[in-house]
Amino acid sequence: MPDTNIASPVQPCGNKPGPVPPKKEEKHFINFMVLDDKGEPVEDVALLVKLPDGSKEEHASNEDGFIEIKSIKPGSSSLLSDWRKMKMDDAVLFQG
């Protein structure tokens, strides 16, 4: 008859594993710079941006011509602006 007093190599510890913490959602950012034909920043140009989650937000360029949108989900974004406060003669080139 086998010896039943021999310890098993795997012993239950009596503690159940806790819940798995939720995975942190990775956040991204996008930024734009609005410049005139001389390369100077243009303040207060409103851009309507469609974010990866489908929401739309309006953001205006600051005194440095800069717009930054932080903490967005990964994916594609689109500009949907009608270029309010800007004349077509002012628009020379747009890069995003």
N, C-alpha and C. Protein backbone atom coordinates (compact mmCIF):
# COMPACT_ATOMS: atom_id res chain seq x y z
N MET A 1 0.83 -1.16 0.00
CA MET A 1 0.00 0.00 0.00
C MET A 1 0.89 1.24 0.00
N PRO A 2 0.52 2.26 -0.87
CA PRO A 2 1.37 3.45 -0.96
C PRO A 2 1.27 4.29 0.31
N ASP A 3 2.36 5.01 0.58
CA ASP A 3 2.40 5.90 1.74
C ASP A 3 1.59 7.15 1.45
N THR A 4 0.51 7.43 2.19
CA THR A 4 -0.35 8.60 1.96
C THR A 4 0.11 9.82 2.73
N ASN A 5 1.19 9.73 3.46
CA ASN A 5 1.68 10.85 4.24
C ASN A 5 2.69 11.69 3.47
N ILE A 6 2.97 11.33 2.22
CA ILE A 6 3.92 12.09 1.41
C ILE A 6 3.23 13.34 0.88
N ALA A 7 3.89 14.44 1.03
CA ALA A 7 3.30 15.72 0.61
C ALA A 7 3.29 15.81 -0.91
N SER A 8 2.26 16.40 -1.42
CA SER A 8 2.15 16.66 -2.86
C SER A 8 3.01 17.86 -3.19
N PRO A 9 3.65 17.89 -4.39
CA PRO A 9 4.46 19.04 -4.75
C PRO A 9 3.63 20.32 -4.92
N VAL A 10 2.34 20.19 -5.19
CA VAL A 10 1.48 21.36 -5.34
C VAL A 10 0.50 21.36 -4.18
N GLN A 11 0.60 22.36 -3.36
CA GLN A 11 -0.26 22.46 -2.19
C GLN A 11 -1.20 23.66 -2.35
N PRO A 12 -2.47 23.48 -2.04
CA PRO A 12 -3.36 24.65 -2.08
C PRO A 12 -2.97 25.64 -0.98
N CYS A 13 -2.97 26.89 -1.31
CA CYS A 13 -2.58 27.90 -0.33
C CYS A 13 -3.76 28.43 0.46
N GLY A 14 -4.96 28.11 0.03
CA GLY A 14 -6.13 28.57 0.76
C GLY A 14 -6.60 29.95 0.34
N ASN A 15 -5.80 30.69 -0.43
CA ASN A 15 -6.20 32.02 -0.89
C ASN A 15 -6.67 31.95 -2.34
N LYS A 16 -7.81 32.50 -2.58
CA LYS A 16 -8.31 32.56 -3.96
C LYS A 16 -7.70 33.79 -4.63
N PRO A 17 -7.38 33.67 -5.91
CA PRO A 17 -6.82 34.85 -6.59
C PRO A 17 -7.85 35.98 -6.62
N GLY A 18 -7.37 37.20 -6.47
CA GLY A 18 -8.25 38.37 -6.50
C GLY A 18 -8.70 38.68 -7.92
N PRO A 19 -9.58 39.64 -8.06
CA PRO A 19 -10.04 40.01 -9.41
C PRO A 19 -8.90 40.60 -10.23
N VAL A 20 -8.96 40.35 -11.50
CA VAL A 20 -7.96 40.90 -12.41
C VAL A 20 -8.26 42.38 -12.59
N PRO A 21 -7.27 43.26 -12.36
CA PRO A 21 -7.55 44.70 -12.52
C PRO A 21 -7.87 45.01 -13.98
N PRO A 22 -8.78 45.96 -14.21
CA PRO A 22 -9.12 46.30 -15.60
C PRO A 22 -7.90 46.88 -16.31
N LYS A 23 -7.83 46.56 -17.59
CA LYS A 23 -6.73 47.06 -18.40
C LYS A 23 -6.90 48.56 -18.59
N LYS A 24 -5.82 49.31 -18.38
CA LYS A 24 -5.88 50.75 -18.59
C LYS A 24 -6.05 51.03 -20.07
N GLU A 25 -7.01 51.90 -20.38
CA GLU A 25 -7.25 52.26 -21.77
C GLU A 25 -6.17 53.22 -22.24
N GLU A 26 -5.55 52.87 -23.33
CA GLU A 26 -4.48 53.70 -23.87
C GLU A 26 -5.08 54.97 -24.46
N LYS A 27 -4.52 56.11 -24.10
CA LYS A 27 -4.99 57.39 -24.61
C LYS A 27 -3.95 58.01 -25.53
N HIS A 28 -4.42 58.77 -26.48
CA HIS A 28 -3.56 59.42 -27.46
C HIS A 28 -3.85 60.91 -27.48
N PHE A 29 -3.14 61.63 -28.34
CA PHE A 29 -3.41 63.05 -28.51
C PHE A 29 -3.19 63.39 -30.00
N ILE A 30 -3.78 64.50 -30.41
CA ILE A 30 -3.52 65.04 -31.74
C ILE A 30 -3.25 66.53 -31.57
N ASN A 31 -2.50 67.09 -32.51
CA ASN A 31 -2.30 68.53 -32.46
C ASN A 31 -2.22 69.09 -33.87
N PHE A 32 -2.55 70.35 -33.97
CA PHE A 32 -2.56 71.08 -35.23
C PHE A 32 -1.88 72.42 -35.00
N MET A 33 -1.31 72.96 -36.04
CA MET A 33 -0.76 74.31 -35.98
C MET A 33 -1.31 75.06 -37.18
N VAL A 34 -1.87 76.23 -36.93
CA VAL A 34 -2.44 77.06 -37.98
C VAL A 34 -1.46 78.21 -38.25
N LEU A 35 -0.96 78.26 -39.47
CA LEU A 35 0.01 79.27 -39.86
C LEU A 35 -0.48 80.03 -41.08
N ASP A 36 -0.07 81.29 -41.20
CA ASP A 36 -0.41 82.04 -42.41
C ASP A 36 0.65 81.77 -43.49
N ASP A 37 0.53 82.45 -44.62
CA ASP A 37 1.43 82.19 -45.74
C ASP A 37 2.88 82.60 -45.46
N LYS A 38 3.10 83.36 -44.39
CA LYS A 38 4.46 83.76 -44.01
C LYS A 38 5.01 82.85 -42.91
N GLY A 39 4.22 81.83 -42.52
CA GLY A 39 4.66 80.92 -41.48
C GLY A 39 4.40 81.43 -40.08
N GLU A 40 3.61 82.50 -39.97
CA GLU A 40 3.28 83.08 -38.66
C GLU A 40 2.02 82.40 -38.11
N PRO A 41 1.97 82.17 -36.80
CA PRO A 41 0.80 81.54 -36.21
C PRO A 41 -0.45 82.41 -36.33
N VAL A 42 -1.60 81.75 -36.51
CA VAL A 42 -2.88 82.45 -36.61
C VAL A 42 -3.72 82.05 -35.41
N GLU A 43 -4.11 83.06 -34.63
CA GLU A 43 -4.89 82.82 -33.42
C GLU A 43 -6.38 82.79 -33.73
N ASP A 44 -7.12 82.02 -32.93
CA ASP A 44 -8.58 81.99 -32.93
C ASP A 44 -9.20 81.46 -34.22
N VAL A 45 -8.53 80.50 -34.85
CA VAL A 45 -9.15 79.78 -35.98
C VAL A 45 -9.83 78.56 -35.40
N ALA A 46 -11.15 78.47 -35.59
CA ALA A 46 -11.93 77.37 -35.02
C ALA A 46 -11.91 76.17 -35.96
N LEU A 47 -11.55 75.02 -35.41
CA LEU A 47 -11.57 73.76 -36.16
C LEU A 47 -12.55 72.81 -35.48
N LEU A 48 -13.40 72.20 -36.27
CA LEU A 48 -14.31 71.17 -35.77
C LEU A 48 -13.64 69.83 -36.07
N VAL A 49 -13.42 69.05 -35.02
CA VAL A 49 -12.67 67.81 -35.15
C VAL A 49 -13.59 66.64 -34.80
N LYS A 50 -13.65 65.66 -35.71
CA LYS A 50 -14.36 64.42 -35.42
C LYS A 50 -13.34 63.45 -34.84
N LEU A 51 -13.56 63.02 -33.60
CA LEU A 51 -12.62 62.16 -32.88
C LEU A 51 -12.88 60.69 -33.18
N PRO A 52 -11.93 59.81 -32.83
CA PRO A 52 -12.08 58.38 -33.13
C PRO A 52 -13.35 57.74 -32.55
N ASP A 53 -13.88 58.27 -31.45
CA ASP A 53 -15.10 57.70 -30.87
C ASP A 53 -16.36 58.21 -31.55
N GLY A 54 -16.20 59.07 -32.58
CA GLY A 54 -17.34 59.59 -33.33
C GLY A 54 -17.85 60.93 -32.82
N SER A 55 -17.39 61.37 -31.67
CA SER A 55 -17.83 62.66 -31.14
C SER A 55 -17.17 63.79 -31.92
N LYS A 56 -17.79 64.96 -31.87
CA LYS A 56 -17.26 66.14 -32.55
C LYS A 56 -17.01 67.23 -31.51
N GLU A 57 -15.84 67.85 -31.63
CA GLU A 57 -15.47 68.94 -30.71
C GLU A 57 -14.90 70.09 -31.50
N GLU A 58 -15.22 71.31 -31.05
CA GLU A 58 -14.65 72.50 -31.68
C GLU A 58 -13.51 73.01 -30.81
N HIS A 59 -12.41 73.32 -31.45
CA HIS A 59 -11.23 73.85 -30.75
C HIS A 59 -10.70 75.03 -31.54
N ALA A 60 -10.24 76.05 -30.85
CA ALA A 60 -9.69 77.24 -31.50
C ALA A 60 -8.18 77.30 -31.26
N SER A 61 -7.46 77.79 -32.25
CA SER A 61 -6.01 77.93 -32.12
C SER A 61 -5.69 79.01 -31.08
N ASN A 62 -4.62 78.78 -30.34
CA ASN A 62 -4.20 79.76 -29.34
C ASN A 62 -3.31 80.82 -29.99
N GLU A 63 -2.71 81.69 -29.17
CA GLU A 63 -1.90 82.79 -29.73
C GLU A 63 -0.68 82.28 -30.51
N ASP A 64 -0.31 81.02 -30.28
CA ASP A 64 0.80 80.42 -31.02
C ASP A 64 0.31 79.63 -32.24
N GLY A 65 -0.99 79.72 -32.54
CA GLY A 65 -1.57 79.00 -33.66
C GLY A 65 -1.74 77.52 -33.40
N PHE A 66 -1.64 77.11 -32.15
CA PHE A 66 -1.57 75.70 -31.79
C PHE A 66 -2.88 75.21 -31.21
N ILE A 67 -3.26 73.99 -31.59
CA ILE A 67 -4.41 73.29 -31.02
C ILE A 67 -3.93 71.91 -30.61
N GLU A 68 -4.19 71.52 -29.38
CA GLU A 68 -3.86 70.17 -28.92
C GLU A 68 -5.08 69.58 -28.24
N ILE A 69 -5.40 68.35 -28.62
CA ILE A 69 -6.52 67.63 -28.02
C ILE A 69 -5.93 66.39 -27.36
N LYS A 70 -6.05 66.32 -26.04
CA LYS A 70 -5.42 65.25 -25.26
C LYS A 70 -6.43 64.19 -24.85
N SER A 71 -5.90 63.05 -24.46
CA SER A 71 -6.66 61.94 -23.88
C SER A 71 -7.80 61.47 -24.76
N ILE A 72 -7.47 61.17 -26.01
CA ILE A 72 -8.48 60.62 -26.92
C ILE A 72 -8.15 59.15 -27.18
N LYS A 73 -9.15 58.42 -27.62
CA LYS A 73 -8.96 57.00 -27.95
C LYS A 73 -8.11 56.90 -29.22
N PRO A 74 -7.39 55.79 -29.40
CA PRO A 74 -6.63 55.61 -30.63
C PRO A 74 -7.57 55.48 -31.83
N GLY A 75 -7.12 55.88 -32.99
CA GLY A 75 -7.91 55.79 -34.21
C GLY A 75 -7.75 57.03 -35.06
N SER A 76 -8.60 57.14 -36.06
CA SER A 76 -8.54 58.27 -37.00
C SER A 76 -9.40 59.43 -36.54
N SER A 77 -8.92 60.62 -36.84
CA SER A 77 -9.67 61.84 -36.58
C SER A 77 -9.82 62.59 -37.89
N SER A 78 -10.85 63.43 -37.99
CA SER A 78 -11.10 64.20 -39.21
C SER A 78 -11.37 65.65 -38.86
N LEU A 79 -10.95 66.55 -39.74
CA LEU A 79 -11.29 67.97 -39.60
C LEU A 79 -12.56 68.23 -40.39
N LEU A 80 -13.52 68.88 -39.75
CA LEU A 80 -14.80 69.16 -40.38
C LEU A 80 -15.12 70.65 -40.34
N SER A 81 -14.11 71.48 -40.33
CA SER A 81 -14.31 72.91 -40.11
C SER A 81 -14.84 73.62 -41.34
N ASP A 82 -15.60 74.69 -41.09
CA ASP A 82 -16.01 75.57 -42.18
C ASP A 82 -15.13 76.83 -42.18
N TRP A 83 -14.05 76.80 -41.42
CA TRP A 83 -13.05 77.87 -41.38
C TRP A 83 -13.66 79.21 -40.97
N ARG A 84 -14.49 79.16 -39.95
CA ARG A 84 -15.06 80.40 -39.42
C ARG A 84 -13.95 81.36 -39.02
N LYS A 85 -14.22 82.62 -39.16
CA LYS A 85 -13.29 83.71 -38.82
C LYS A 85 -12.05 83.70 -39.72
N MET A 86 -12.15 83.08 -40.86
CA MET A 86 -11.00 83.06 -41.76
C MET A 86 -11.53 83.25 -43.18
N LYS A 87 -10.92 84.15 -43.93
CA LYS A 87 -11.32 84.39 -45.31
C LYS A 87 -10.57 83.44 -46.23
N MET A 88 -11.20 83.08 -47.34
CA MET A 88 -10.57 82.15 -48.27
C MET A 88 -9.25 82.72 -48.79
N ASP A 89 -9.16 84.03 -48.92
CA ASP A 89 -7.90 84.65 -49.36
C ASP A 89 -6.76 84.40 -48.37
N ASP A 90 -7.13 84.15 -47.11
CA ASP A 90 -6.14 83.88 -46.07
C ASP A 90 -5.61 82.45 -46.12
N ALA A 91 -6.37 81.55 -46.73
CA ALA A 91 -6.00 80.13 -46.75
C ALA A 91 -5.05 79.87 -47.92
N VAL A 92 -3.82 79.59 -47.59
CA VAL A 92 -2.81 79.30 -48.62
C VAL A 92 -2.51 77.82 -48.65
N LEU A 93 -2.31 77.22 -47.49
CA LEU A 93 -1.93 75.81 -47.39
C LEU A 93 -2.40 75.28 -46.05
N PHE A 94 -2.94 74.10 -46.10
CA PHE A 94 -3.31 73.43 -44.84
C PHE A 94 -2.57 72.12 -44.75
N GLN A 95 -1.91 71.90 -43.62
CA GLN A 95 -1.25 70.63 -43.35
C GLN A 95 -1.69 70.16 -41.98
N GLY A 96 -1.98 68.88 -41.88
CA GLY A 96 -2.40 68.33 -40.58
C GLY A 96 -1.68 67.06 -40.29
